[in-house]
Amino acid sequence: MSSLPFVAQRQPTQTNQGYVPKRNPSVQLALNGTPIYLHNILMTVSVKREEKDMSGQKSSTKKSDKGVKAKELSVTGFIPYNRKEWLTQLFNLAESEDGKGEQSKYRVSCTVAEAVNMREVQFSGEVSATEQNGQLGWAISFTLREVNSVAEKKDQRKKKPKAKVQGEKAPTANKSVVENSGKSEETKDERKGWAKDLDDLLGNVDG
């Protein structure tokens, strides 16, 4: 009796026959403790040091350093159609506003953000979900920008005008000027009195 050859069947994958896993992926990113579920998540953190070209029309390459700007965390991943609630939650977070009508801020939790001391973020720019042919899902892309960073706080301190010291006295006139003014008035009055006495005396003589 001949034995039939054993053929190992390959399990379908996300890119094979449009299969997507049903199990939730491990949480690698959270905002205010809310997990962001993405398959094949990839995060890239960046920081920019802004420079101003000081060379003008010359051949010099001299530049002026304008400081470090806020860090940015770029995120990409995949959400299957049967997990559309993940997409709904992501867009709700991106569109959220606080009680003052301003864009919501979030405490970010992920390994790369912790490594670069990135603590509080806001959504920045575009949040996109693009359908993928043959994969039954959306390719996700968004960016989180750091807020209240050390660099921003330094800039705010530089731009903030110097506060006036409480109890600061209002400017007063120079004491010597006031005294001299008083003396001149007294001198004028004395002259007027003396002139009057002289006129009276001359009048009596003429009479």
N, C-alpha and C. Protein backbone atom coordinates (compact mmCIF):
# COMPACT_ATOMS: atom_id res chain seq x y z
N MET A 1 0.85 -1.19 0.00
CA MET A 1 0.00 0.00 0.00
C MET A 1 0.89 1.24 0.00
N SER A 2 0.71 2.04 -1.01
CA SER A 2 1.54 3.24 -1.11
C SER A 2 0.96 4.35 -0.25
N SER A 3 1.86 5.05 0.42
CA SER A 3 1.42 6.15 1.28
C SER A 3 1.33 7.44 0.48
N LEU A 4 0.34 8.21 0.81
CA LEU A 4 0.16 9.48 0.13
C LEU A 4 1.16 10.50 0.66
N PRO A 5 1.74 11.29 -0.21
CA PRO A 5 2.71 12.30 0.24
C PRO A 5 2.02 13.35 1.10
N PHE A 6 2.72 13.78 2.16
CA PHE A 6 2.17 14.81 3.04
C PHE A 6 2.47 16.19 2.45
N VAL A 7 1.44 16.97 2.34
CA VAL A 7 1.59 18.32 1.80
C VAL A 7 1.23 19.32 2.89
N ALA A 8 2.19 20.15 3.27
CA ALA A 8 1.93 21.17 4.28
C ALA A 8 1.20 22.34 3.66
N GLN A 9 0.07 22.65 4.23
CA GLN A 9 -0.72 23.75 3.71
C GLN A 9 -0.31 25.06 4.37
N ARG A 10 -0.06 26.05 3.57
CA ARG A 10 0.33 27.35 4.09
C ARG A 10 -0.90 28.11 4.58
N GLN A 11 -0.81 28.62 5.79
CA GLN A 11 -1.92 29.38 6.34
C GLN A 11 -2.02 30.72 5.63
N PRO A 12 -3.24 31.16 5.36
CA PRO A 12 -3.40 32.47 4.71
C PRO A 12 -2.90 33.58 5.61
N THR A 13 -2.36 34.60 5.02
CA THR A 13 -1.86 35.76 5.75
C THR A 13 -2.63 36.99 5.32
N GLN A 14 -2.24 38.13 5.89
CA GLN A 14 -2.93 39.36 5.57
C GLN A 14 -2.84 39.69 4.09
N THR A 15 -1.72 39.38 3.46
CA THR A 15 -1.54 39.68 2.05
C THR A 15 -1.89 38.48 1.17
N ASN A 16 -2.31 37.37 1.79
CA ASN A 16 -2.65 36.17 1.04
C ASN A 16 -4.16 35.92 1.14
N GLN A 17 -4.88 36.03 0.01
CA GLN A 17 -6.32 35.79 -0.08
C GLN A 17 -7.13 36.79 0.75
N GLY A 18 -6.55 37.96 1.03
CA GLY A 18 -7.29 38.98 1.73
C GLY A 18 -7.60 38.65 3.18
N TYR A 19 -6.88 37.75 3.78
CA TYR A 19 -7.13 37.34 5.16
C TYR A 19 -6.57 38.38 6.13
N VAL A 20 -7.32 38.66 7.19
CA VAL A 20 -6.84 39.55 8.24
C VAL A 20 -7.05 38.85 9.57
N PRO A 21 -6.12 38.98 10.51
CA PRO A 21 -6.26 38.31 11.80
C PRO A 21 -7.42 38.90 12.60
N LYS A 22 -8.11 38.03 13.36
CA LYS A 22 -9.23 38.48 14.18
C LYS A 22 -8.78 38.94 15.56
N ARG A 23 -7.65 38.49 15.99
CA ARG A 23 -7.18 38.82 17.33
C ARG A 23 -6.62 40.24 17.36
N ASN A 24 -6.87 40.94 18.47
CA ASN A 24 -6.35 42.30 18.61
C ASN A 24 -4.82 42.28 18.65
N PRO A 25 -4.20 43.27 18.01
CA PRO A 25 -2.73 43.36 18.08
C PRO A 25 -2.30 43.84 19.46
N SER A 26 -1.04 43.67 19.78
CA SER A 26 -0.52 44.17 21.05
C SER A 26 -0.55 45.70 21.03
N VAL A 27 -0.85 46.27 22.17
CA VAL A 27 -0.95 47.73 22.27
C VAL A 27 0.45 48.33 22.36
N GLN A 28 0.81 49.12 21.36
CA GLN A 28 2.12 49.78 21.35
C GLN A 28 2.01 51.30 21.46
N LEU A 29 0.77 51.81 21.39
CA LEU A 29 0.55 53.25 21.48
C LEU A 29 -0.77 53.51 22.20
N ALA A 30 -0.74 54.45 23.14
CA ALA A 30 -1.96 54.83 23.86
C ALA A 30 -1.98 56.33 24.08
N LEU A 31 -3.19 56.91 24.04
CA LEU A 31 -3.38 58.34 24.28
C LEU A 31 -4.34 58.51 25.44
N ASN A 32 -3.87 59.12 26.52
CA ASN A 32 -4.65 59.24 27.76
C ASN A 32 -5.14 57.87 28.23
N GLY A 33 -4.33 56.85 28.02
CA GLY A 33 -4.69 55.51 28.44
C GLY A 33 -5.57 54.75 27.47
N THR A 34 -6.02 55.40 26.39
CA THR A 34 -6.85 54.74 25.38
C THR A 34 -5.95 54.06 24.35
N PRO A 35 -6.05 52.74 24.19
CA PRO A 35 -5.16 52.05 23.24
C PRO A 35 -5.50 52.39 21.80
N ILE A 36 -4.48 52.56 20.98
CA ILE A 36 -4.64 52.76 19.54
C ILE A 36 -4.29 51.44 18.87
N TYR A 37 -5.32 50.74 18.39
CA TYR A 37 -5.11 49.43 17.78
C TYR A 37 -4.77 49.58 16.30
N LEU A 38 -3.61 49.08 15.93
CA LEU A 38 -3.17 49.07 14.53
C LEU A 38 -2.35 47.81 14.28
N HIS A 39 -2.64 47.12 13.20
CA HIS A 39 -1.78 46.02 12.77
C HIS A 39 -0.58 46.61 12.02
N ASN A 40 0.55 45.94 12.14
CA ASN A 40 1.78 46.37 11.44
C ASN A 40 2.12 47.83 11.76
N ILE A 41 1.95 48.22 13.01
CA ILE A 41 2.20 49.61 13.38
C ILE A 41 3.68 49.94 13.27
N LEU A 42 3.95 51.13 12.75
CA LEU A 42 5.32 51.62 12.60
C LEU A 42 5.35 53.08 13.04
N MET A 43 6.22 53.41 13.99
CA MET A 43 6.30 54.77 14.52
C MET A 43 7.68 55.36 14.28
N THR A 44 7.69 56.61 13.85
CA THR A 44 8.94 57.33 13.59
C THR A 44 8.91 58.66 14.33
N VAL A 45 9.90 58.90 15.18
CA VAL A 45 9.97 60.16 15.92
C VAL A 45 11.04 61.05 15.30
N SER A 46 10.78 62.34 15.25
CA SER A 46 11.74 63.27 14.65
C SER A 46 11.74 64.59 15.40
N VAL A 47 12.86 65.29 15.32
CA VAL A 47 12.97 66.62 15.90
C VAL A 47 13.72 67.50 14.91
N LYS A 48 13.32 68.76 14.83
CA LYS A 48 13.91 69.67 13.84
C LYS A 48 14.57 70.85 14.54
N ARG A 49 15.79 71.14 14.12
CA ARG A 49 16.48 72.34 14.59
C ARG A 49 16.39 73.38 13.48
N GLU A 50 15.67 74.45 13.74
CA GLU A 50 15.43 75.46 12.71
C GLU A 50 16.63 76.37 12.56
N GLU A 51 16.96 76.66 11.30
CA GLU A 51 18.10 77.52 11.00
C GLU A 51 17.69 78.60 10.02
N LYS A 52 18.33 79.75 10.13
CA LYS A 52 18.09 80.86 9.22
C LYS A 52 19.35 81.14 8.43
N ASP A 53 19.19 81.21 7.10
CA ASP A 53 20.33 81.45 6.23
C ASP A 53 20.78 82.91 6.37
N MET A 54 22.03 83.10 6.77
CA MET A 54 22.59 84.45 6.97
C MET A 54 23.57 84.84 5.87
N SER A 55 23.70 84.02 4.83
CA SER A 55 24.72 84.27 3.82
C SER A 55 24.33 85.38 2.85
N GLY A 56 23.03 85.60 2.63
CA GLY A 56 22.59 86.62 1.68
C GLY A 56 23.00 86.26 0.27
N GLN A 57 23.57 87.21 -0.44
CA GLN A 57 24.01 86.98 -1.81
C GLN A 57 25.44 86.46 -1.89
N LYS A 58 26.08 86.34 -0.74
CA LYS A 58 27.47 85.90 -0.75
C LYS A 58 27.56 84.39 -0.85
N SER A 59 28.76 83.92 -1.08
CA SER A 59 28.99 82.47 -1.20
C SER A 59 29.11 81.81 0.17
N SER A 60 29.03 82.59 1.23
CA SER A 60 29.15 82.06 2.59
C SER A 60 27.97 81.15 2.91
N THR A 61 28.22 80.15 3.74
CA THR A 61 27.16 79.22 4.16
C THR A 61 26.78 79.45 5.62
N LYS A 62 27.04 80.63 6.12
CA LYS A 62 26.77 80.94 7.53
C LYS A 62 25.28 80.89 7.81
N LYS A 63 24.92 80.25 8.93
CA LYS A 63 23.51 80.13 9.31
C LYS A 63 23.34 80.49 10.78
N SER A 64 22.15 80.98 11.09
CA SER A 64 21.83 81.34 12.47
C SER A 64 20.90 80.29 13.05
N ASP A 65 21.26 79.76 14.20
CA ASP A 65 20.46 78.72 14.86
C ASP A 65 19.28 79.37 15.58
N LYS A 66 18.05 78.95 15.24
CA LYS A 66 16.85 79.52 15.85
C LYS A 66 16.24 78.58 16.89
N GLY A 67 16.95 77.50 17.22
CA GLY A 67 16.50 76.63 18.30
C GLY A 67 15.83 75.36 17.84
N VAL A 68 15.53 74.50 18.82
CA VAL A 68 14.90 73.21 18.56
C VAL A 68 13.39 73.35 18.58
N LYS A 69 12.73 72.78 17.59
CA LYS A 69 11.28 72.81 17.52
C LYS A 69 10.69 71.56 18.17
N ALA A 70 9.37 71.54 18.28
CA ALA A 70 8.68 70.43 18.94
C ALA A 70 8.90 69.12 18.18
N LYS A 71 8.99 68.03 18.92
CA LYS A 71 9.16 66.71 18.31
C LYS A 71 7.86 66.27 17.64
N GLU A 72 7.98 65.37 16.67
CA GLU A 72 6.81 64.81 15.98
C GLU A 72 6.92 63.30 15.93
N LEU A 73 5.78 62.64 16.13
CA LEU A 73 5.71 61.18 16.08
C LEU A 73 4.80 60.79 14.92
N SER A 74 5.38 60.23 13.86
CA SER A 74 4.61 59.79 12.70
C SER A 74 4.24 58.32 12.86
N VAL A 75 2.97 58.01 12.63
CA VAL A 75 2.46 56.66 12.86
C VAL A 75 1.78 56.13 11.60
N THR A 76 2.08 54.89 11.25
CA THR A 76 1.40 54.20 10.15
C THR A 76 0.98 52.82 10.64
N GLY A 77 -0.03 52.27 9.99
CA GLY A 77 -0.50 50.94 10.38
C GLY A 77 -1.65 50.50 9.49
N PHE A 78 -2.34 49.46 9.93
CA PHE A 78 -3.41 48.86 9.13
C PHE A 78 -4.60 48.51 10.03
N ILE A 79 -5.80 48.88 9.58
CA ILE A 79 -7.04 48.53 10.28
C ILE A 79 -7.92 47.73 9.33
N PRO A 80 -8.28 46.49 9.68
CA PRO A 80 -9.16 45.69 8.82
C PRO A 80 -10.60 46.20 8.85
N TYR A 81 -11.34 45.89 7.81
CA TYR A 81 -12.73 46.32 7.72
C TYR A 81 -13.56 45.83 8.91
N ASN A 82 -13.28 44.62 9.38
CA ASN A 82 -14.08 44.08 10.48
C ASN A 82 -13.70 44.66 11.84
N ARG A 83 -12.81 45.66 11.84
CA ARG A 83 -12.47 46.38 13.06
C ARG A 83 -12.64 47.88 12.84
N LYS A 84 -13.72 48.24 12.18
CA LYS A 84 -13.94 49.65 11.85
C LYS A 84 -14.09 50.53 13.09
N GLU A 85 -14.44 49.92 14.25
CA GLU A 85 -14.54 50.71 15.48
C GLU A 85 -13.18 51.30 15.88
N TRP A 86 -12.09 50.65 15.47
CA TRP A 86 -10.76 51.21 15.74
C TRP A 86 -10.59 52.53 14.99
N LEU A 87 -11.06 52.53 13.75
CA LEU A 87 -10.96 53.73 12.92
C LEU A 87 -11.85 54.85 13.47
N THR A 88 -13.06 54.46 13.90
CA THR A 88 -13.98 55.44 14.50
C THR A 88 -13.34 56.10 15.72
N GLN A 89 -12.75 55.30 16.57
CA GLN A 89 -12.13 55.82 17.78
C GLN A 89 -10.96 56.75 17.46
N LEU A 90 -10.15 56.38 16.48
CA LEU A 90 -9.00 57.19 16.09
C LEU A 90 -9.44 58.57 15.61
N PHE A 91 -10.48 58.60 14.77
CA PHE A 91 -10.95 59.89 14.25
C PHE A 91 -11.63 60.72 15.34
N ASN A 92 -12.29 60.07 16.27
CA ASN A 92 -12.89 60.80 17.39
C ASN A 92 -11.82 61.50 18.23
N LEU A 93 -10.71 60.81 18.45
CA LEU A 93 -9.60 61.41 19.19
C LEU A 93 -9.00 62.58 18.43
N ALA A 94 -8.87 62.42 17.12
CA ALA A 94 -8.26 63.47 16.29
C ALA A 94 -9.14 64.72 16.23
N GLU A 95 -10.46 64.54 16.29
CA GLU A 95 -11.39 65.66 16.17
C GLU A 95 -11.80 66.24 17.51
N SER A 96 -11.38 65.64 18.60
CA SER A 96 -11.83 66.03 19.93
C SER A 96 -11.37 67.44 20.31
N GLU A 97 -12.23 68.15 21.06
CA GLU A 97 -11.92 69.47 21.59
C GLU A 97 -12.23 69.50 23.08
N ASP A 98 -11.54 70.38 23.79
CA ASP A 98 -11.77 70.48 25.23
C ASP A 98 -12.94 71.42 25.51
N GLY A 99 -13.18 71.72 26.78
CA GLY A 99 -14.30 72.56 27.17
C GLY A 99 -14.21 73.99 26.66
N LYS A 100 -13.01 74.44 26.30
CA LYS A 100 -12.81 75.79 25.78
C LYS A 100 -12.90 75.86 24.26
N GLY A 101 -13.19 74.71 23.64
CA GLY A 101 -13.27 74.68 22.18
C GLY A 101 -11.93 74.58 21.50
N GLU A 102 -10.89 74.26 22.27
CA GLU A 102 -9.55 74.11 21.70
C GLU A 102 -9.23 72.64 21.48
N GLN A 103 -8.28 72.38 20.60
CA GLN A 103 -7.90 71.01 20.28
C GLN A 103 -7.41 70.27 21.52
N SER A 104 -7.87 69.03 21.67
CA SER A 104 -7.52 68.24 22.85
C SER A 104 -6.05 67.86 22.85
N LYS A 105 -5.49 67.78 24.05
CA LYS A 105 -4.13 67.32 24.26
C LYS A 105 -4.17 65.95 24.93
N TYR A 106 -3.16 65.12 24.64
CA TYR A 106 -3.15 63.76 25.17
C TYR A 106 -1.79 63.41 25.77
N ARG A 107 -1.83 62.65 26.84
CA ARG A 107 -0.60 62.03 27.37
C ARG A 107 -0.30 60.84 26.48
N VAL A 108 0.88 60.83 25.90
CA VAL A 108 1.24 59.76 24.97
C VAL A 108 2.04 58.68 25.70
N SER A 109 1.70 57.44 25.41
CA SER A 109 2.40 56.29 26.01
C SER A 109 2.87 55.36 24.91
N CYS A 110 4.17 55.32 24.72
CA CYS A 110 4.79 54.35 23.81
C CYS A 110 6.29 54.38 24.07
N THR A 111 6.96 53.33 23.68
CA THR A 111 8.38 53.18 24.01
C THR A 111 9.23 54.29 23.41
N VAL A 112 9.01 54.60 22.14
CA VAL A 112 9.87 55.58 21.48
C VAL A 112 9.63 56.99 22.04
N ALA A 113 8.38 57.31 22.39
CA ALA A 113 8.09 58.63 22.97
C ALA A 113 8.74 58.77 24.34
N GLU A 114 8.70 57.70 25.11
CA GLU A 114 9.33 57.72 26.43
C GLU A 114 10.84 57.90 26.31
N ALA A 115 11.42 57.29 25.29
CA ALA A 115 12.88 57.35 25.10
C ALA A 115 13.36 58.77 24.82
N VAL A 116 12.52 59.58 24.16
CA VAL A 116 12.93 60.95 23.80
C VAL A 116 12.23 61.99 24.68
N ASN A 117 11.64 61.54 25.79
CA ASN A 117 11.00 62.45 26.75
C ASN A 117 9.87 63.25 26.12
N MET A 118 9.05 62.57 25.34
CA MET A 118 7.89 63.18 24.68
C MET A 118 6.65 62.77 25.47
N ARG A 119 6.01 63.72 26.14
CA ARG A 119 4.97 63.38 27.11
C ARG A 119 3.55 63.76 26.68
N GLU A 120 3.39 64.95 26.11
CA GLU A 120 2.05 65.44 25.77
C GLU A 120 2.01 65.81 24.30
N VAL A 121 0.91 65.41 23.61
CA VAL A 121 0.86 65.59 22.16
C VAL A 121 -0.53 66.06 21.72
N GLN A 122 -0.57 66.53 20.48
CA GLN A 122 -1.81 66.82 19.77
C GLN A 122 -1.70 66.24 18.38
N PHE A 123 -2.85 65.94 17.76
CA PHE A 123 -2.84 65.52 16.37
C PHE A 123 -2.43 66.71 15.51
N SER A 124 -1.60 66.46 14.53
CA SER A 124 -1.10 67.52 13.67
C SER A 124 -1.26 67.12 12.21
N GLY A 125 -1.76 68.05 11.40
CA GLY A 125 -1.89 67.75 9.98
C GLY A 125 -3.00 66.76 9.68
N GLU A 126 -2.76 65.90 8.73
CA GLU A 126 -3.78 65.00 8.19
C GLU A 126 -3.79 63.64 8.89
N VAL A 127 -5.01 63.15 9.15
CA VAL A 127 -5.21 61.76 9.58
C VAL A 127 -5.90 61.05 8.41
N SER A 128 -5.25 60.05 7.84
CA SER A 128 -5.78 59.43 6.63
C SER A 128 -6.01 57.94 6.80
N ALA A 129 -7.04 57.44 6.11
CA ALA A 129 -7.35 56.01 6.05
C ALA A 129 -7.59 55.67 4.59
N THR A 130 -6.68 54.92 3.99
CA THR A 130 -6.73 54.62 2.56
C THR A 130 -7.03 53.14 2.33
N GLU A 131 -8.05 52.86 1.53
CA GLU A 131 -8.41 51.47 1.24
C GLU A 131 -7.27 50.76 0.50
N GLN A 132 -7.07 49.50 0.85
CA GLN A 132 -6.00 48.71 0.25
C GLN A 132 -6.60 47.56 -0.57
N ASN A 133 -6.25 47.52 -1.84
CA ASN A 133 -6.76 46.46 -2.71
C ASN A 133 -6.27 45.10 -2.25
N GLY A 134 -7.21 44.16 -2.10
CA GLY A 134 -6.86 42.79 -1.76
C GLY A 134 -6.52 42.57 -0.31
N GLN A 135 -6.61 43.58 0.54
CA GLN A 135 -6.25 43.43 1.95
C GLN A 135 -7.42 43.65 2.89
N LEU A 136 -8.59 44.03 2.38
CA LEU A 136 -9.80 44.17 3.19
C LEU A 136 -9.57 45.07 4.40
N GLY A 137 -9.04 46.23 4.14
CA GLY A 137 -8.80 47.15 5.24
C GLY A 137 -8.26 48.48 4.77
N TRP A 138 -7.88 49.30 5.74
CA TRP A 138 -7.37 50.64 5.46
C TRP A 138 -5.92 50.79 5.92
N ALA A 139 -5.15 51.48 5.12
CA ALA A 139 -3.81 51.90 5.54
C ALA A 139 -3.96 53.21 6.30
N ILE A 140 -3.45 53.25 7.51
CA ILE A 140 -3.64 54.41 8.39
C ILE A 140 -2.35 55.21 8.49
N SER A 141 -2.51 56.54 8.53
CA SER A 141 -1.36 57.42 8.67
C SER A 141 -1.77 58.68 9.44
N PHE A 142 -0.99 59.05 10.44
CA PHE A 142 -1.24 60.30 11.17
C PHE A 142 0.03 60.72 11.90
N THR A 143 0.02 61.97 12.36
CA THR A 143 1.18 62.54 13.06
C THR A 143 0.75 63.16 14.37
N LEU A 144 1.52 62.92 15.41
CA LEU A 144 1.31 63.53 16.72
C LEU A 144 2.43 64.52 16.98
N ARG A 145 2.07 65.74 17.34
CA ARG A 145 3.06 66.79 17.58
C ARG A 145 3.15 67.10 19.07
N GLU A 146 4.36 67.22 19.56
CA GLU A 146 4.59 67.50 20.98
C GLU A 146 4.10 68.90 21.35
N VAL A 147 3.45 69.01 22.51
CA VAL A 147 3.04 70.31 23.04
C VAL A 147 3.64 70.49 24.43
N ASN A 148 3.78 71.76 24.83
CA ASN A 148 4.39 72.08 26.12
C ASN A 148 5.78 71.46 26.25
N SER A 149 6.52 71.49 25.16
CA SER A 149 7.87 70.94 25.17
C SER A 149 8.82 71.89 25.88
N VAL A 150 9.99 71.40 26.22
CA VAL A 150 11.00 72.23 26.86
C VAL A 150 11.39 73.40 25.96
N ALA A 151 11.51 73.12 24.65
CA ALA A 151 11.89 74.17 23.70
C ALA A 151 10.83 75.26 23.64
N GLU A 152 9.55 74.88 23.64
CA GLU A 152 8.47 75.86 23.59
C GLU A 152 8.44 76.71 24.85
N LYS A 153 8.66 76.09 25.99
CA LYS A 153 8.66 76.84 27.24
C LYS A 153 9.79 77.87 27.27
N LYS A 154 10.95 77.51 26.72
CA LYS A 154 12.07 78.45 26.65
C LYS A 154 11.72 79.64 25.77
N ASP A 155 11.08 79.36 24.61
CA ASP A 155 10.69 80.44 23.71
C ASP A 155 9.68 81.38 24.36
N GLN A 156 8.74 80.81 25.10
CA GLN A 156 7.73 81.62 25.78
C GLN A 156 8.36 82.53 26.82
N ARG A 157 9.35 82.00 27.53
CA ARG A 157 10.03 82.82 28.54
C ARG A 157 10.81 83.97 27.89
N LYS A 158 11.38 83.72 26.71
CA LYS A 158 12.13 84.76 26.01
C LYS A 158 11.20 85.86 25.51
N LYS A 159 10.01 85.49 25.01
CA LYS A 159 9.09 86.45 24.42
C LYS A 159 8.26 87.17 25.47
N LYS A 160 8.14 86.63 26.66
CA LYS A 160 7.29 87.21 27.70
C LYS A 160 7.89 88.53 28.19
N PRO A 161 7.12 89.63 28.15
CA PRO A 161 7.66 90.92 28.62
C PRO A 161 7.90 90.90 30.12
N LYS A 162 8.87 91.68 30.55
CA LYS A 162 9.23 91.72 31.97
C LYS A 162 8.10 92.35 32.77
N ALA A 163 7.64 91.64 33.79
CA ALA A 163 6.53 92.12 34.61
C ALA A 163 6.98 93.26 35.49
N LYS A 164 6.06 94.23 35.71
CA LYS A 164 6.38 95.36 36.58
C LYS A 164 6.37 94.91 38.03
N VAL A 165 7.28 95.44 38.80
CA VAL A 165 7.37 95.10 40.21
C VAL A 165 6.27 95.80 40.97
N GLN A 166 5.53 95.05 41.80
CA GLN A 166 4.45 95.64 42.58
C GLN A 166 5.01 96.65 43.57
N GLY A 167 4.24 97.69 43.81
CA GLY A 167 4.67 98.71 44.75
C GLY A 167 5.63 99.71 44.14
N GLU A 168 5.80 99.59 42.83
CA GLU A 168 6.71 100.51 42.16
C GLU A 168 6.12 101.92 42.19
N LYS A 169 6.88 102.91 42.67
CA LYS A 169 6.38 104.26 42.82
C LYS A 169 6.27 104.95 41.47
N ALA A 170 5.24 105.77 41.38
CA ALA A 170 5.07 106.55 40.16
C ALA A 170 6.16 107.60 40.10
N PRO A 171 6.59 107.97 38.91
CA PRO A 171 7.65 108.98 38.78
C PRO A 171 7.22 110.31 39.39
N THR A 172 8.09 110.92 40.17
CA THR A 172 7.80 112.20 40.81
C THR A 172 8.72 113.27 40.27
N ALA A 173 8.27 114.49 40.40
CA ALA A 173 9.07 115.61 39.91
C ALA A 173 10.34 115.74 40.73
N ASN A 174 11.36 116.23 40.09
CA ASN A 174 12.63 116.43 40.77
C ASN A 174 12.46 117.43 41.92
N LYS A 175 12.94 117.02 43.10
CA LYS A 175 12.75 117.83 44.30
C LYS A 175 13.36 119.21 44.15
N SER A 176 14.56 119.28 43.58
CA SER A 176 15.24 120.57 43.43
C SER A 176 14.47 121.49 42.50
N VAL A 177 13.83 120.88 41.44
CA VAL A 177 13.05 121.69 40.51
C VAL A 177 11.86 122.29 41.21
N VAL A 178 11.18 121.46 42.04
CA VAL A 178 10.01 121.95 42.78
C VAL A 178 10.40 123.06 43.73
N GLU A 179 11.52 122.85 44.46
CA GLU A 179 11.96 123.85 45.42
C GLU A 179 12.32 125.16 44.73
N ASN A 180 13.04 125.04 43.60
CA ASN A 180 13.43 126.24 42.86
C ASN A 180 12.22 126.97 42.34
N SER A 181 11.20 126.18 41.90
CA SER A 181 9.98 126.79 41.39
C SER A 181 9.28 127.57 42.49
N GLY A 182 9.26 126.97 43.70
CA GLY A 182 8.62 127.65 44.83
C GLY A 182 9.34 128.92 45.20
N LYS A 183 10.67 128.84 45.19
CA LYS A 183 11.46 130.02 45.53
C LYS A 183 11.24 131.14 44.54
N SER A 184 11.15 130.81 43.24
CA SER A 184 10.97 131.84 42.23
C SER A 184 9.63 132.53 42.39
N GLU A 185 8.58 131.75 42.79
CA GLU A 185 7.27 132.35 43.01
C GLU A 185 7.33 133.30 44.20
N GLU A 186 8.04 132.88 45.26
CA GLU A 186 8.16 133.74 46.43
C GLU A 186 8.89 135.03 46.09
N THR A 187 9.95 134.91 45.26
CA THR A 187 10.72 136.09 44.85
C THR A 187 9.86 137.07 44.07
N LYS A 188 8.99 136.51 43.18
CA LYS A 188 8.09 137.36 42.38
C LYS A 188 7.14 138.12 43.29
N ASP A 189 6.59 137.39 44.28
CA ASP A 189 5.66 138.04 45.20
C ASP A 189 6.35 139.14 46.00
N GLU A 190 7.60 138.87 46.43
CA GLU A 190 8.35 139.87 47.18
C GLU A 190 8.61 141.11 46.34
N ARG A 191 8.94 140.88 45.05
CA ARG A 191 9.20 142.01 44.16
C ARG A 191 7.94 142.85 43.95
N LYS A 192 6.81 142.15 43.80
CA LYS A 192 5.56 142.88 43.61
C LYS A 192 5.25 143.74 44.84
N GLY A 193 5.45 143.16 46.02
CA GLY A 193 5.20 143.93 47.25
C GLY A 193 6.14 145.12 47.41
N TRP A 194 7.39 144.93 47.10
CA TRP A 194 8.39 146.00 47.20
C TRP A 194 8.09 147.11 46.20
N ALA A 195 7.70 146.72 44.96
CA ALA A 195 7.38 147.72 43.94
C ALA A 195 6.16 148.54 44.35
N LYS A 196 5.20 147.89 44.97
CA LYS A 196 4.00 148.60 45.41
C LYS A 196 4.35 149.61 46.51
N ASP A 197 5.18 149.15 47.45
CA ASP A 197 5.60 150.06 48.52
C ASP A 197 6.35 151.27 47.96
N LEU A 198 7.18 151.02 46.92
CA LEU A 198 7.93 152.11 46.31
C LEU A 198 7.00 153.09 45.62
N ASP A 199 5.98 152.58 44.92
CA ASP A 199 5.02 153.45 44.25
C ASP A 199 4.26 154.30 45.26
N ASP A 200 3.87 153.67 46.37
CA ASP A 200 3.15 154.41 47.40
C ASP A 200 4.02 155.52 47.99
N LEU A 201 5.31 155.18 48.19
CA LEU A 201 6.23 156.16 48.76
C LEU A 201 6.43 157.34 47.82
N LEU A 202 6.61 157.07 46.52
CA LEU A 202 6.80 158.12 45.53
C LEU A 202 5.54 158.97 45.41
N GLY A 203 4.41 158.32 45.53
CA GLY A 203 3.15 159.07 45.44
C GLY A 203 3.01 160.04 46.58
N ASN A 204 3.42 159.62 47.76
CA ASN A 204 3.34 160.50 48.91
C ASN A 204 4.30 161.68 48.77
N VAL A 205 5.48 161.41 48.21
CA VAL A 205 6.46 162.48 48.01
C VAL A 205 5.95 163.50 47.02
N ASP A 206 5.40 162.97 45.89
CA ASP A 206 4.88 163.86 44.85
C ASP A 206 3.71 164.69 45.40
N GLY A 207 2.96 164.09 46.30
CA GLY A 207 1.80 164.80 46.84
C GLY A 207 2.23 165.87 47.78
